[in-house]
Each structure stands twice: as C-alpha cells, then as structure tokens.
C-alpha atoms as a PDB file:
ATOM      1  CA  MET A   1     117.378 142.504 202.281  1.00  0.00           C
ATOM      2  CA  ASN A   2     118.908 139.064 203.277  1.00  0.00           C
ATOM      3  CA  GLN A   3     122.263 137.854 202.396  1.00  0.00           C
ATOM      4  CA  ARG A   4     121.190 135.150 200.076  1.00  0.00           C
ATOM      5  CA  ALA A   5     119.252 137.567 197.953  1.00  0.00           C
ATOM      6  CA  ILE A   6     122.323 139.432 197.363  1.00  0.00           C
ATOM      7  CA  LEU A   7     124.552 136.716 196.800  1.00  0.00           C
ATOM      8  CA  ILE A   8     122.296 134.941 194.173  1.00  0.00           C
ATOM      9  CA  PRO A   9     122.636 137.615 191.401  1.00  0.00           C
ATOM     10  CA  VAL A  10     126.247 137.991 192.298  1.00  0.00           C
ATOM     11  CA  ILE A  11     127.003 134.473 191.724  1.00  0.00           C
ATOM     12  CA  VAL A  12     125.141 134.526 188.323  1.00  0.00           C
ATOM     13  CA  ILE A  13     127.104 137.475 187.309  1.00  0.00           C
ATOM     14  CA  LEU A  14     130.314 135.506 188.149  1.00  0.00           C
ATOM     15  CA  MET A  15     129.238 132.288 186.271  1.00  0.00           C
ATOM     16  CA  SER A  16     128.368 134.482 183.157  1.00  0.00           C
ATOM     17  CA  ALA A  17     131.684 136.078 183.165  1.00  0.00           C
ATOM     18  CA  LEU A  18     133.504 132.739 183.653  1.00  0.00           C
ATOM     19  CA  ALA A  19     131.527 131.255 180.759  1.00  0.00           C
ATOM     20  CA  CYS A  20     132.737 134.147 178.472  1.00  0.00           C
ATOM     21  CA  ASN A  21     136.302 133.374 179.273  1.00  0.00           C
ATOM     22  CA  ARG A  22     135.976 129.456 178.609  1.00  0.00           C
ATOM     23  CA  PRO A  23     136.956 128.393 175.284  1.00  0.00           C
ATOM     24  CA  GLN A  24     133.979 128.223 173.120  1.00  0.00           C
ATOM     25  CA  PRO A  25     133.282 124.838 171.018  1.00  0.00           C
ATOM     26  CA  VAL A  26     134.197 125.126 167.342  1.00  0.00           C
ATOM     27  CA  SER A  27     131.188 125.906 165.258  1.00  0.00           C
ATOM     28  CA  GLU A  28     130.091 123.216 162.793  1.00  0.00           C
ATOM     29  CA  THR A  29     130.923 125.504 159.944  1.00  0.00           C
ATOM     30  CA  ILE A  30     134.563 125.849 161.013  1.00  0.00           C
ATOM     31  CA  LYS A  31     134.823 122.326 162.203  1.00  0.00           C
ATOM     32  CA  ASN A  32     133.813 120.859 158.926  1.00  0.00           C
ATOM     33  CA  SER A  33     135.417 123.571 156.869  1.00  0.00           C
ATOM     34  CA  ASN A  34     136.806 121.009 154.304  1.00  0.00           C
ATOM     35  CA  ASP A  35     133.419 119.303 153.720  1.00  0.00           C
ATOM     36  CA  TYR A  36     133.247 120.847 150.427  1.00  0.00           C
ATOM     37  CA  LEU A  37     136.183 118.391 149.448  1.00  0.00           C
ATOM     38  CA  LEU A  38     134.272 115.275 150.231  1.00  0.00           C
ATOM     39  CA  ALA A  39     133.214 114.314 146.673  1.00  0.00           C
ATOM     40  CA  ALA A  40     136.448 115.788 145.269  1.00  0.00           C
ATOM     41  CA  THR A  41     138.578 113.602 147.402  1.00  0.00           C
ATOM     42  CA  LEU A  42     136.269 110.478 147.158  1.00  0.00           C
ATOM     43  CA  TYR A  43     136.615 110.710 143.201  1.00  0.00           C
ATOM     44  CA  PRO A  44     140.359 109.563 143.279  1.00  0.00           C
ATOM     45  CA  GLN A  45     139.987 107.202 145.998  1.00  0.00           C
ATOM     46  CA  GLN A  46     136.725 105.513 145.074  1.00  0.00           C
ATOM     47  CA  ALA A  47     135.862 106.069 141.277  1.00  0.00           C
ATOM     48  CA  ALA A  48     137.084 103.527 138.839  1.00  0.00           C
ATOM     49  CA  GLU A  49     136.599 106.209 136.444  1.00  0.00           C
ATOM     50  CA  LEU A  50     139.433 108.119 137.683  1.00  0.00           C
ATOM     51  CA  ARG A  51     141.605 104.975 137.201  1.00  0.00           C
ATOM     52  CA  ALA A  52     140.326 104.686 133.620  1.00  0.00           C
ATOM     53  CA  LEU A  53     141.234 108.469 132.806  1.00  0.00           C
ATOM     54  CA  CYS A  54     144.725 107.735 134.321  1.00  0.00           C
ATOM     55  CA  TYR A  55     145.319 104.484 132.021  1.00  0.00           C
ATOM     56  CA  GLN A  56     143.704 106.587 129.094  1.00  0.00           C
ATOM     57  CA  ALA A  57     146.340 109.447 129.738  1.00  0.00           C
ATOM     58  CA  TYR A  58     149.353 107.114 129.996  1.00  0.00           C
ATOM     59  CA  ASN A  59     148.192 104.933 126.979  1.00  0.00           C
ATOM     60  CA  ILE A  60     148.059 107.981 124.878  1.00  0.00           C
ATOM     61  CA  ALA A  61     151.396 108.979 126.070  1.00  0.00           C
ATOM     62  CA  HIS A  62     152.760 105.281 125.188  1.00  0.00           C
ATOM     63  CA  ARG A  63     151.386 105.698 121.786  1.00  0.00           C
ATOM     64  CA  ASN A  64     153.041 109.043 121.317  1.00  0.00           C
ATOM     65  CA  MET A  65     156.305 107.837 122.429  1.00  0.00           C
ATOM     66  CA  GLU A  66     156.184 104.925 120.091  1.00  0.00           C
ATOM     67  CA  ALA A  67     155.689 107.239 117.113  1.00  0.00           C
ATOM     68  CA  ILE A  68     158.810 109.299 118.668  1.00  0.00           C
ATOM     69  CA  TYR A  69     161.024 106.292 118.993  1.00  0.00           C
ATOM     70  CA  ASP A  70     160.461 105.516 115.254  1.00  0.00           C
ATOM     71  CA  THR A  71     161.636 108.756 113.946  1.00  0.00           C
ATOM     72  CA  ALA A  72     164.304 110.094 116.595  1.00  0.00           C
ATOM     73  CA  ASN A  73     167.972 109.681 115.633  1.00  0.00           C
ATOM     74  CA  ASP A  74     169.128 109.789 119.308  1.00  0.00           C
ATOM     75  CA  LEU A  75     166.582 108.991 121.975  1.00  0.00           C
ATOM     76  CA  THR A  76     169.126 110.091 124.792  1.00  0.00           C
ATOM     77  CA  THR A  77     168.783 113.582 123.630  1.00  0.00           C
ATOM     78  CA  LEU A  78     165.012 113.498 124.288  1.00  0.00           C
ATOM     79  CA  ALA A  79     163.168 114.189 127.809  1.00  0.00           C
ATOM     80  CA  ILE A  80     159.649 114.191 129.102  1.00  0.00           C
ATOM     81  CA  VAL A  81     158.815 116.639 131.891  1.00  0.00           C
ATOM     82  CA  MET A  82     156.442 115.402 134.540  1.00  0.00           C
ATOM     83  CA  ASP A  83     154.609 117.152 137.350  1.00  0.00           C
ATOM     84  CA  LEU A  84     154.618 114.880 140.618  1.00  0.00           C
ATOM     85  CA  ASP A  85     151.252 115.610 142.668  1.00  0.00           C
ATOM     86  CA  GLU A  86     148.255 114.284 140.969  1.00  0.00           C
ATOM     87  CA  THR A  87     150.241 113.373 137.844  1.00  0.00           C
ATOM     88  CA  VAL A  88     152.498 110.779 139.065  1.00  0.00           C
ATOM     89  CA  LEU A  89     151.876 110.557 142.768  1.00  0.00           C
ATOM     90  CA  ASP A  90     148.383 110.464 144.547  1.00  0.00           C
ATOM     91  CA  ASN A  91     147.939 112.729 147.623  1.00  0.00           C
ATOM     92  CA  SER A  92     144.283 111.924 147.951  1.00  0.00           C
ATOM     93  CA  ALA A  93     145.026 110.329 151.322  1.00  0.00           C
ATOM     94  CA  TYR A  94     146.237 113.773 152.556  1.00  0.00           C
ATOM     95  CA  GLU A  95     143.188 115.416 151.442  1.00  0.00           C
ATOM     96  CA  ALA A  96     140.980 112.639 153.179  1.00  0.00           C
ATOM     97  CA  GLN A  97     142.946 112.908 156.298  1.00  0.00           C
ATOM     98  CA  SER A  98     142.500 116.768 156.355  1.00  0.00           C
ATOM     99  CA  ILE A  99     138.936 116.134 156.121  1.00  0.00           C
ATOM    100  CA  LEU A 100     138.786 113.666 158.992  1.00  0.00           C
ATOM    101  CA  ASP A 101     140.709 115.771 161.243  1.00  0.00           C
ATOM    102  CA  SER A 102     139.070 118.977 160.161  1.00  0.00           C
ATOM    103  CA  LEU A 103     142.454 120.610 159.111  1.00  0.00           C
ATOM    104  CA  ALA A 104     143.185 122.913 156.163  1.00  0.00           C
ATOM    105  CA  TYR A 105     146.287 122.926 154.014  1.00  0.00           C
ATOM    106  CA  PRO A 106     149.226 123.589 154.959  1.00  0.00           C
ATOM    107  CA  GLN A 107     148.233 122.097 158.107  1.00  0.00           C
ATOM    108  CA  GLY A 108     149.496 118.339 158.194  1.00  0.00           C
ATOM    109  CA  TRP A 109     151.243 118.777 155.020  1.00  0.00           C
ATOM    110  CA  ASP A 110     154.799 118.275 156.379  1.00  0.00           C
ATOM    111  CA  ALA A 111     153.725 114.962 158.184  1.00  0.00           C
ATOM    112  CA  TRP A 112     152.385 113.696 154.794  1.00  0.00           C
ATOM    113  CA  MET A 113     155.549 114.756 153.016  1.00  0.00           C
ATOM    114  CA  TYR A 114     157.897 113.274 155.453  1.00  0.00           C
ATOM    115  CA  ALA A 115     155.736 109.977 155.466  1.00  0.00           C
ATOM    116  CA  ALA A 116     157.027 109.481 151.764  1.00  0.00           C
ATOM    117  CA  SER A 117     154.124 106.890 151.420  1.00  0.00           C
ATOM    118  CA  ALA A 118     152.064 108.434 148.381  1.00  0.00           C
ATOM    119  CA  LYS A 119     150.821 105.732 145.898  1.00  0.00           C
ATOM    120  CA  ALA A 120     151.511 106.082 142.262  1.00  0.00           C
ATOM    121  CA  LEU A 121     148.534 106.822 139.765  1.00  0.00           C
ATOM    122  CA  PRO A 122     147.479 103.923 137.767  1.00  0.00           C
ATOM    123  CA  GLY A 123     149.698 103.428 134.616  1.00  0.00           C
ATOM    124  CA  ALA A 124     152.449 105.961 135.777  1.00  0.00           C
ATOM    125  CA  VAL A 125     155.056 103.466 136.999  1.00  0.00           C
ATOM    126  CA  ASP A 126     154.989 101.300 133.855  1.00  0.00           C
ATOM    127  CA  PHE A 127     155.074 104.279 131.563  1.00  0.00           C
ATOM    128  CA  ILE A 128     158.107 105.834 133.279  1.00  0.00           C
ATOM    129  CA  LYS A 129     160.060 102.602 133.313  1.00  0.00           C
ATOM    130  CA  SER A 130     159.304 101.939 129.588  1.00  0.00           C
ATOM    131  CA  VAL A 131     160.619 105.547 128.867  1.00  0.00           C
ATOM    132  CA  VAL A 132     163.699 105.143 130.863  1.00  0.00           C
ATOM    133  CA  GLU A 133     164.451 101.923 129.308  1.00  0.00           C
ATOM    134  CA  LYS A 134     164.485 103.485 126.017  1.00  0.00           C
ATOM    135  CA  GLY A 135     167.129 106.014 127.022  1.00  0.00           C
ATOM    136  CA  VAL A 136     164.657 109.044 127.198  1.00  0.00           C
ATOM    137  CA  HIS A 137     165.285 111.302 130.296  1.00  0.00           C
ATOM    138  CA  VAL A 138     162.571 111.906 132.597  1.00  0.00           C
ATOM    139  CA  PHE A 139     162.653 115.238 134.530  1.00  0.00           C
ATOM    140  CA  TYR A 140     160.249 115.781 137.550  1.00  0.00           C
ATOM    141  CA  ILE A 141     159.467 119.283 137.815  1.00  0.00           C
ATOM    142  CA  THR A 142     157.387 119.887 140.949  1.00  0.00           C
ATOM    143  CA  ASN A 143     156.519 122.882 143.261  1.00  0.00           C
ATOM    144  CA  ARG A 144     157.314 120.801 146.271  1.00  0.00           C
ATOM    145  CA  ARG A 145     159.521 122.710 148.402  1.00  0.00           C
ATOM    146  CA  GLU A 146     163.398 122.063 148.650  1.00  0.00           C
ATOM    147  CA  LYS A 147     163.061 120.730 152.273  1.00  0.00           C
ATOM    148  CA  TYR A 148     160.997 118.013 150.904  1.00  0.00           C
ATOM    149  CA  ARG A 149     163.715 116.699 148.519  1.00  0.00           C
ATOM    150  CA  GLU A 150     164.774 113.722 150.549  1.00  0.00           C
ATOM    151  CA  ALA A 151     161.398 112.649 151.545  1.00  0.00           C
ATOM    152  CA  THR A 152     160.327 112.867 147.742  1.00  0.00           C
ATOM    153  CA  LEU A 153     163.340 111.041 146.403  1.00  0.00           C
ATOM    154  CA  LYS A 154     162.408 108.383 149.163  1.00  0.00           C
ATOM    155  CA  ASN A 155     158.887 108.019 147.986  1.00  0.00           C
ATOM    156  CA  LEU A 156     160.061 107.705 144.414  1.00  0.00           C
ATOM    157  CA  GLN A 157     162.424 105.101 145.137  1.00  0.00           C
ATOM    158  CA  ASN A 158     159.962 103.100 147.036  1.00  0.00           C
ATOM    159  CA  LEU A 159     157.978 103.113 143.889  1.00  0.00           C
ATOM    160  CA  ASP A 160     161.101 102.256 141.813  1.00  0.00           C
ATOM    161  CA  ILE A 161     160.641 105.386 139.620  1.00  0.00           C
ATOM    162  CA  ALA A 162     163.600 107.572 141.263  1.00  0.00           C
ATOM    163  CA  PRO A 163     165.068 110.239 138.987  1.00  0.00           C
ATOM    164  CA  ALA A 164     168.304 109.316 137.400  1.00  0.00           C
ATOM    165  CA  ASP A 165     170.152 111.973 139.676  1.00  0.00           C
ATOM    166  CA  SER A 166     169.203 115.118 141.661  1.00  0.00           C
ATOM    167  CA  ASN A 167     169.326 117.200 138.557  1.00  0.00           C
ATOM    168  CA  HIS A 168     166.378 115.258 137.317  1.00  0.00           C
ATOM    169  CA  LEU A 169     164.209 116.444 140.301  1.00  0.00           C
ATOM    170  CA  LEU A 170     163.816 120.110 139.913  1.00  0.00           C
ATOM    171  CA  LEU A 171     161.727 121.581 142.998  1.00  0.00           C
ATOM    172  CA  ARG A 172     160.305 124.892 143.657  1.00  0.00           C
ATOM    173  CA  GLY A 173     162.533 127.925 144.645  1.00  0.00           C
ATOM    174  CA  GLN A 174     161.326 131.471 145.173  1.00  0.00           C
ATOM    175  CA  GLU A 175     158.712 131.237 142.287  1.00  0.00           C
ATOM    176  CA  SER A 176     155.810 129.030 141.387  1.00  0.00           C
ATOM    177  CA  SER A 177     156.446 129.372 137.789  1.00  0.00           C
ATOM    178  CA  LYS A 178     158.007 126.105 136.115  1.00  0.00           C
ATOM    179  CA  GLU A 179     159.145 128.106 133.112  1.00  0.00           C
ATOM    180  CA  MET A 180     162.645 128.591 134.170  1.00  0.00           C
ATOM    181  CA  ARG A 181     163.130 124.919 135.155  1.00  0.00           C
ATOM    182  CA  ARG A 182     161.646 123.878 131.831  1.00  0.00           C
ATOM    183  CA  LEU A 183     164.172 126.111 130.121  1.00  0.00           C
ATOM    184  CA  LYS A 184     167.018 124.582 132.093  1.00  0.00           C
ATOM    185  CA  VAL A 185     165.841 121.230 130.763  1.00  0.00           C
ATOM    186  CA  LEU A 186     165.868 122.562 127.203  1.00  0.00           C
ATOM    187  CA  ASP A 187     169.378 123.620 127.503  1.00  0.00           C
ATOM    188  CA  ASP A 188     170.505 120.129 126.950  1.00  0.00           C
ATOM    189  CA  TYR A 189     167.518 118.160 125.815  1.00  0.00           C
ATOM    190  CA  GLN A 190     164.468 118.340 123.509  1.00  0.00           C
ATOM    191  CA  ILE A 191     161.148 118.049 125.614  1.00  0.00           C
ATOM    192  CA  VAL A 192     158.932 116.009 123.654  1.00  0.00           C
ATOM    193  CA  MET A 193     155.985 115.696 126.189  1.00  0.00           C
ATOM    194  CA  LEU A 194     154.864 117.263 129.327  1.00  0.00           C
ATOM    195  CA  PHE A 195     152.509 115.882 132.044  1.00  0.00           C
ATOM    196  CA  GLY A 196     150.516 117.546 134.608  1.00  0.00           C
ATOM    197  CA  ASP A 197     147.159 118.241 136.445  1.00  0.00           C
ATOM    198  CA  ASN A 198     147.372 122.017 136.339  1.00  0.00           C
ATOM    199  CA  LEU A 199     147.772 124.006 133.213  1.00  0.00           C
ATOM    200  CA  ALA A 200     150.765 126.013 134.400  1.00  0.00           C
ATOM    201  CA  ASP A 201     152.736 122.571 134.242  1.00  0.00           C
ATOM    202  CA  PHE A 202     152.749 122.918 130.498  1.00  0.00           C
ATOM    203  CA  ALA A 203     153.458 126.445 129.636  1.00  0.00           C
ATOM    204  CA  SER A 204     154.053 130.138 130.854  1.00  0.00           C
ATOM    205  CA  ALA A 205     151.030 131.184 128.870  1.00  0.00           C
ATOM    206  CA  PHE A 206     149.139 129.830 131.996  1.00  0.00           C
ATOM    207  CA  ASP A 207     151.218 131.522 134.569  1.00  0.00           C
ATOM    208  CA  GLY A 208     149.916 134.185 136.824  1.00  0.00           C
ATOM    209  CA  ALA A 209     146.773 134.874 138.633  1.00  0.00           C
ATOM    210  CA  GLN A 210     144.666 134.401 135.485  1.00  0.00           C
ATOM    211  CA  SER A 211     140.867 134.448 135.646  1.00  0.00           C
ATOM    212  CA  SER A 212     138.932 131.332 134.711  1.00  0.00           C
ATOM    213  CA  HIS A 213     137.646 133.000 131.412  1.00  0.00           C
ATOM    214  CA  ARG A 214     141.337 133.679 130.556  1.00  0.00           C
ATOM    215  CA  ARG A 215     142.499 130.289 131.358  1.00  0.00           C
ATOM    216  CA  ALA A 216     139.841 129.020 129.072  1.00  0.00           C
ATOM    217  CA  GLU A 217     140.834 131.261 126.144  1.00  0.00           C
ATOM    218  CA  VAL A 218     144.620 130.108 126.411  1.00  0.00           C
ATOM    219  CA  THR A 219     143.402 126.562 126.660  1.00  0.00           C
ATOM    220  CA  ASP A 220     141.192 126.879 123.405  1.00  0.00           C
ATOM    221  CA  SER A 221     144.314 128.463 121.663  1.00  0.00           C
ATOM    222  CA  LEU A 222     146.518 125.631 122.407  1.00  0.00           C
ATOM    223  CA  GLN A 223     143.875 122.779 121.877  1.00  0.00           C
ATOM    224  CA  ASP A 224     145.908 120.855 119.252  1.00  0.00           C
ATOM    225  CA  ALA A 225     148.668 120.224 121.946  1.00  0.00           C
ATOM    226  CA  PHE A 226     146.497 118.420 124.423  1.00  0.00           C
ATOM    227  CA  GLY A 227     146.765 114.764 123.912  1.00  0.00           C
ATOM    228  CA  SER A 228     149.763 115.140 121.635  1.00  0.00           C
ATOM    229  CA  ARG A 229     152.502 117.280 123.380  1.00  0.00           C
ATOM    230  CA  PHE A 230     150.449 118.021 126.736  1.00  0.00           C
ATOM    231  CA  ILE A 231     149.010 114.973 128.779  1.00  0.00           C
ATOM    232  CA  VAL A 232     146.562 116.290 131.286  1.00  0.00           C
ATOM    233  CA  PHE A 233     145.306 114.524 134.421  1.00  0.00           C
ATOM    234  CA  PRO A 234     142.130 115.104 136.545  1.00  0.00           C
ATOM    235  CA  ASN A 235     142.324 116.802 139.757  1.00  0.00           C
ATOM    236  CA  ALA A 236     139.250 118.223 141.442  1.00  0.00           C
ATOM    237  CA  MET A 237     140.780 118.601 144.879  1.00  0.00           C
ATOM    238  CA  TYR A 238     142.773 121.894 144.296  1.00  0.00           C
ATOM    239  CA  GLY A 239     144.726 123.861 141.568  1.00  0.00           C
ATOM    240  CA  ASP A 240     144.615 127.222 139.798  1.00  0.00           C
ATOM    241  CA  TRP A 241     141.047 126.403 138.478  1.00  0.00           C
ATOM    242  CA  LEU A 242     139.876 126.591 141.920  1.00  0.00           C
ATOM    243  CA  ASN A 243     141.864 129.539 143.115  1.00  0.00           C
ATOM    244  CA  ALA A 244     140.872 131.394 139.882  1.00  0.00           C
ATOM    245  CA  ILE A 245     137.229 131.278 141.279  1.00  0.00           C
ATOM    246  CA  THR A 246     138.562 133.192 144.631  1.00  0.00           C
ATOM    247  CA  ASP A 247     140.607 135.426 142.773  1.00  0.00           C
ATOM    248  CA  TYR A 248     143.691 133.869 144.318  1.00  0.00           C
ATOM    249  CA  ASN A 249     142.731 135.430 147.543  1.00  0.00           C
ATOM    250  CA  ASN A 250     144.104 132.966 150.402  1.00  0.00           C
ATOM    251  CA  SER A 251     142.938 135.130 153.042  1.00  0.00           C
ATOM    252  CA  LEU A 252     139.263 134.407 152.574  1.00  0.00           C
ATOM    253  CA  THR A 253     137.253 132.715 155.300  1.00  0.00           C
ATOM    254  CA  HIS A 254     135.607 129.457 154.487  1.00  0.00           C
ATOM    255  CA  GLN A 255     132.223 130.960 154.293  1.00  0.00           C
ATOM    256  CA  GLN A 256     133.589 133.691 151.787  1.00  0.00           C
ATOM    257  CA  LYS A 257     135.225 130.952 149.652  1.00  0.00           C
ATOM    258  CA  LEU A 258     131.804 129.081 149.798  1.00  0.00           C
ATOM    259  CA  GLU A 259     129.981 132.044 148.698  1.00  0.00           C
ATOM    260  CA  LYS A 260     132.388 132.787 145.749  1.00  0.00           C
ATOM    261  CA  TYR A 261     132.126 128.958 144.524  1.00  0.00           C
ATOM    262  CA  LYS A 262     128.307 129.329 144.686  1.00  0.00           C
ATOM    263  CA  SER A 263     128.395 132.425 142.709  1.00  0.00           C
ATOM    264  CA  ALA A 264     130.513 130.754 140.102  1.00  0.00           C
ATOM    265  CA  LEU A 265     127.903 128.020 139.359  1.00  0.00           C
ATOM    266  CA  GLN A 266     125.852 128.412 136.146  1.00  0.00           C
ATOM    267  CA  GLY A 267     122.422 126.969 136.303  1.00  0.00           C
ATOM    268  CA  PHE A 268     119.614 126.929 133.738  1.00  0.00           C
ATOM    269  CA  GLU A 269     116.403 128.893 133.504  1.00  0.00           C
ATOM    270  CA  LYS A 270     113.578 126.706 134.826  1.00  0.00           C
ATOM    271  CA  LYS A 271     110.029 126.737 133.315  1.00  0.00           C
ATOM    272  CA  GLU A 272     107.271 125.502 135.109  1.00  0.00           C
ATOM    273  CA  VAL A 273     105.109 123.005 133.124  1.00  0.00           C
ATOM    274  CA  PHE A 274     101.557 122.026 134.242  1.00  0.00           C
ATOM    275  CA  ILE A 275      99.675 119.061 132.702  1.00  0.00           C
ATOM    276  CA  SER A 276      95.874 119.017 133.059  1.00  0.00           C
ATOM    277  CA  SER A 277      93.998 115.714 133.080  1.00  0.00           C
ATOM    278  CA  SER A 278      93.218 116.565 129.439  1.00  0.00           C
ATOM    279  CA  LYS A 279      96.670 116.384 128.800  1.00  0.00           C
ATOM    280  CA  THR A 280      96.649 120.252 127.862  1.00  0.00           C
ATOM    281  CA  ILE A 281     100.072 121.583 128.363  1.00  0.00           C
ATOM    282  CA  HIS A 282     100.675 124.966 130.116  1.00  0.00           C
ATOM    283  CA  CYS A 283     104.114 126.444 130.081  1.00  0.00           C
ATOM    284  CA  SER A 284     105.294 129.554 131.923  1.00  0.00           C
ATOM    285  CA  GLY A 285     107.680 129.872 129.115  1.00  0.00           C
ATOM    286  CA  GLN A 286     107.898 128.996 125.559  1.00  0.00           C
ATOM    287  CA  CYS A 287     107.605 124.900 125.289  1.00  0.00           C
ATOM    288  CA  SER A 288     109.752 123.406 122.631  1.00  0.00           C
ATOM    289  CA  GLY A 289     108.017 121.685 119.882  1.00  0.00           C
ATOM    290  CA  SER A 290     109.654 118.368 120.598  1.00  0.00           C
ATOM    291  CA  PHE A 291     108.685 118.712 124.204  1.00  0.00           C
ATOM    292  CA  VAL A 292     104.970 119.308 123.180  1.00  0.00           C
ATOM    293  CA  LYS A 293     104.956 116.222 121.092  1.00  0.00           C
ATOM    294  CA  PHE A 294     106.481 114.202 123.560  1.00  0.00           C
ATOM    295  CA  MET A 295     103.790 115.148 126.260  1.00  0.00           C
ATOM    296  CA  ASN A 296     101.098 114.674 123.801  1.00  0.00           C
ATOM    297  CA  PHE A 297     102.365 111.210 123.143  1.00  0.00           C
ATOM    298  CA  LEU A 298     101.837 110.378 126.805  1.00  0.00           C
END
C-alpha cells in the first residue's frame, strides 16, 4: 500500500476531530430565543392603542383624585403608591435591544439600568406632578435592586418626577413581595390608590407562585377595586402572568418554555362546513340555526 493511500484517511480523521472541537454555530432556535417577544415589544413601541390605554388609566386616576381632594381634610396625610417599570417608566427599549442582540434577561439589564434613559409612559408625568402639587405624597415601590438606586433617581430626575426624598423610593430587599414596604408607608400615611402592571403591585393576596387560575379567582374577588383603588397598566412583555404558565421555573430551556406557552393556548372546536352548488349545507358537527339561515340567504 503506498503512503498516499495511508495518509488520506488519516487526514480525514484529523479534520473530523478538529471540526468537533471547533465552536459550533449558534442554532437558529437559540439565537432567536427572544423572537416570541416581538409582538409584545412592538406593542408598547408602535401601538397607539397602548398610549390610549395609558392615558385612560391616568385619566381615571385624575378623576379619582379630584373626588378625594373634595372630601379629604388634610391632603398631606395621603399617599399614592406607584410601581415604576411599565407603570411610570417604559422599558421596552431594553426588551427590543435584547431581541436584536439575541440576549435574555438579565443579560444587558445592568447596562440599561445605568443608562438611566427610560422614557415615561404617556400621562405619567402630568399625573404625578398634579398630585405632588396638591400635597399628596408619591411613593415609588419597585422591585429594582438597591444597586440601581442612583441610576433610578437620575432617570426620574431627568423626567422631573423625582421622589421627595430617599424614603419615597422603596427598592427591593431580600423579598420580591411589596407588602412590607406598603405597610411601611401605611405607618405614616393613608394610601388612597396603587398603580402597577403586575397584580402583586396591589395586594399581598397576589403574592407567591400562584397558578393562572388562582390569580384569576383573586382578581374576580377584588373586581370592585380595579379602576377605583387599583390602577392597572398593560404589560405583555413579562410578569407573573407569564411566569405562572411556566410554573415559575426559570431553569426551563427556551424550547421547554415555548411548549408550556403553546399548551396554555385555548382554541375552539372546528367544524368543517361544505356547501354544494345547490346551496345544500353539510356540517361535520351541528350547525347553528342562524348560520344555516345565513348560508341559505347566500
């Protein structure tokens, strides 16, 4: 056997081994792991309907406060409690950049926080200023970490809605629950309204890893509070509503999360309908009377 015949298979084997050790290209599934957030992120950035919902929420809050102004003896004893993210501040730019860079939270979150460049949601600045001018205290209770305090203060100062002092900006400690921070405000003030995009922003009844069904039950039990004491803002990008679908399991892979999301979808029972040239209607299931009349009219 000549040397060339021996060398060729050896070279092939070596090249195969090197190829195995070479970093493999990122699969399309992993690379675009945030693609499911496309519509959810475009909504706050492109939909005028989102702006309308924010104006609607703050208009309702304005009217509620007008009624309170007329009946309160001392406005300086009153307080409103506001979440920050997706309630006062718009973080959709972070979500958008994460999609563009194929990153997932918390990747890139520090850079976004320290940039202190979040815009205010429509209606937020005017409402907050009007409340402060009346002497009512505004407390920001947020689950941003303490390390972001200075950056958060800078962001709020840039929007001219900075808290009265550091005690009016209550960031997250060891717990994500906001109940103890709300109770701290209640030590000195009467809370007349709460604002948030996540139900746990409003009451301890929503704390914990509750199922979607349980969250709906608690919401129904408190229905009279929404629009009066509780002002809710839309957030399709993230939140407990999404975590509940994945059973609050942050260790799931992207594919596992997608499977959970799809399994939570509720479709409808499809019934095949065939229309012959003589307008005779054939349904695989039972056709409704109104549907039959409509098709006969055609």
